[in-house]
Amino acid sequence: MKFTDPADIEKLQTIANRLKSSSDRGKQLIASNLNWRLEDLKRLHAMDIKSPHELRAALREYHGLKA
């Protein structure tokens, strides 16, 4: 599944927050996983990386600077 629309991503964040406050441990684990993945997505968007192609290009550029 791919979520690219910011509104859909916000809905996922809302769902994760609701699951996090659940008393069910399984739901809390799902919320934790969702939040972890959403944080990665937010970091990539902050760097203006929106596709796997852009991520690969950024990694190649970073590798060249680090070497």
C-alpha atoms as a PDB file:
ATOM      1  CA  MET A   1       0.000   0.000   0.000  1.00  0.00           C
ATOM      2  CA  LYS A   2       1.219   3.501  -0.777  1.00  0.00           C
ATOM      3  CA  PHE A   3       0.134   6.690   0.933  1.00  0.00           C
ATOM      4  CA  THR A   4       1.224   9.850  -0.839  1.00  0.00           C
ATOM      5  CA  ASP A   5      -1.636  12.240  -0.149  1.00  0.00           C
ATOM      6  CA  PRO A   6      -0.895  14.383   2.932  1.00  0.00           C
ATOM      7  CA  ALA A   7      -4.535  14.071   4.044  1.00  0.00           C
ATOM      8  CA  ASP A   8      -4.247  10.267   4.052  1.00  0.00           C
ATOM      9  CA  ILE A   9      -1.022  10.469   6.033  1.00  0.00           C
ATOM     10  CA  GLU A  10      -2.718  12.702   8.605  1.00  0.00           C
ATOM     11  CA  LYS A  11      -5.558  10.184   8.879  1.00  0.00           C
ATOM     12  CA  LEU A  12      -3.012   7.437   9.524  1.00  0.00           C
ATOM     13  CA  GLN A  13      -1.443   9.576  12.248  1.00  0.00           C
ATOM     14  CA  THR A  14      -4.874  10.059  13.844  1.00  0.00           C
ATOM     15  CA  ILE A  15      -5.536   6.316  13.730  1.00  0.00           C
ATOM     16  CA  ALA A  16      -2.127   5.594  15.270  1.00  0.00           C
ATOM     17  CA  ASN A  17      -2.817   8.046  18.093  1.00  0.00           C
ATOM     18  CA  ARG A  18      -6.169   6.406  18.823  1.00  0.00           C
ATOM     19  CA  LEU A  19      -4.637   2.942  18.813  1.00  0.00           C
ATOM     20  CA  LYS A  20      -1.851   4.105  21.099  1.00  0.00           C
ATOM     21  CA  SER A  21      -4.335   5.077  23.804  1.00  0.00           C
ATOM     22  CA  SER A  22      -6.058   1.674  23.623  1.00  0.00           C
ATOM     23  CA  SER A  23      -5.806  -0.749  26.538  1.00  0.00           C
ATOM     24  CA  ASP A  24      -5.185  -3.609  24.062  1.00  0.00           C
ATOM     25  CA  ARG A  25      -1.442  -4.352  23.867  1.00  0.00           C
ATOM     26  CA  GLY A  26      -1.739  -5.562  20.265  1.00  0.00           C
ATOM     27  CA  LYS A  27      -3.269  -2.265  19.182  1.00  0.00           C
ATOM     28  CA  GLN A  28      -0.551  -0.368  21.021  1.00  0.00           C
ATOM     29  CA  LEU A  29       2.107  -2.325  19.114  1.00  0.00           C
ATOM     30  CA  ILE A  30       0.394  -1.546  15.808  1.00  0.00           C
ATOM     31  CA  ALA A  31       0.328   2.131  16.785  1.00  0.00           C
ATOM     32  CA  SER A  32       4.014   2.042  17.666  1.00  0.00           C
ATOM     33  CA  ASN A  33       4.880   0.494  14.302  1.00  0.00           C
ATOM     34  CA  LEU A  34       2.714   3.004  12.432  1.00  0.00           C
ATOM     35  CA  ASN A  35       4.273   5.941  14.279  1.00  0.00           C
ATOM     36  CA  TRP A  36       7.777   4.632  13.563  1.00  0.00           C
ATOM     37  CA  ARG A  37       7.054   4.375   9.839  1.00  0.00           C
ATOM     38  CA  LEU A  38       5.329   7.760   9.742  1.00  0.00           C
ATOM     39  CA  GLU A  39       8.364   9.383  11.375  1.00  0.00           C
ATOM     40  CA  ASP A  40      10.566   7.955   8.623  1.00  0.00           C
ATOM     41  CA  LEU A  41       8.173   9.319   6.025  1.00  0.00           C
ATOM     42  CA  LYS A  42       8.152  12.755   7.669  1.00  0.00           C
ATOM     43  CA  ARG A  43      11.955  12.846   7.699  1.00  0.00           C
ATOM     44  CA  LEU A  44      12.093  11.984   3.999  1.00  0.00           C
ATOM     45  CA  HIS A  45       9.490  14.629   3.156  1.00  0.00           C
ATOM     46  CA  ALA A  46      11.442  17.203   5.182  1.00  0.00           C
ATOM     47  CA  MET A  47      14.393  16.486   2.885  1.00  0.00           C
ATOM     48  CA  ASP A  48      12.039  16.795  -0.111  1.00  0.00           C
ATOM     49  CA  ILE A  49      12.463  13.103  -0.953  1.00  0.00           C
ATOM     50  CA  LYS A  50       9.184  11.742  -2.242  1.00  0.00           C
ATOM     51  CA  SER A  51      10.085   8.659  -4.264  1.00  0.00           C
ATOM     52  CA  PRO A  52      12.478   5.716  -4.139  1.00  0.00           C
ATOM     53  CA  HIS A  53      14.300   7.220  -7.135  1.00  0.00           C
ATOM     54  CA  GLU A  54      14.921  10.467  -5.232  1.00  0.00           C
ATOM     55  CA  LEU A  55      16.074   8.509  -2.176  1.00  0.00           C
ATOM     56  CA  ARG A  56      18.607   6.536  -4.227  1.00  0.00           C
ATOM     57  CA  ALA A  57      19.903   9.754  -5.796  1.00  0.00           C
ATOM     58  CA  ALA A  58      20.257  11.386  -2.371  1.00  0.00           C
ATOM     59  CA  LEU A  59      22.099   8.347  -1.022  1.00  0.00           C
ATOM     60  CA  ARG A  60      24.491   8.342  -3.987  1.00  0.00           C
ATOM     61  CA  GLU A  61      25.164  12.050  -3.429  1.00  0.00           C
ATOM     62  CA  TYR A  62      25.688  11.516   0.315  1.00  0.00           C
ATOM     63  CA  HIS A  63      28.028   8.602  -0.310  1.00  0.00           C
ATOM     64  CA  GLY A  64      30.079  10.764  -2.673  1.00  0.00           C
ATOM     65  CA  LEU A  65      30.379  13.502  -0.055  1.00  0.00           C
ATOM     66  CA  LYS A  66      31.298  11.097   2.720  1.00  0.00           C
ATOM     67  CA  ALA A  67      33.995   9.269   0.744  1.00  0.00           C
END
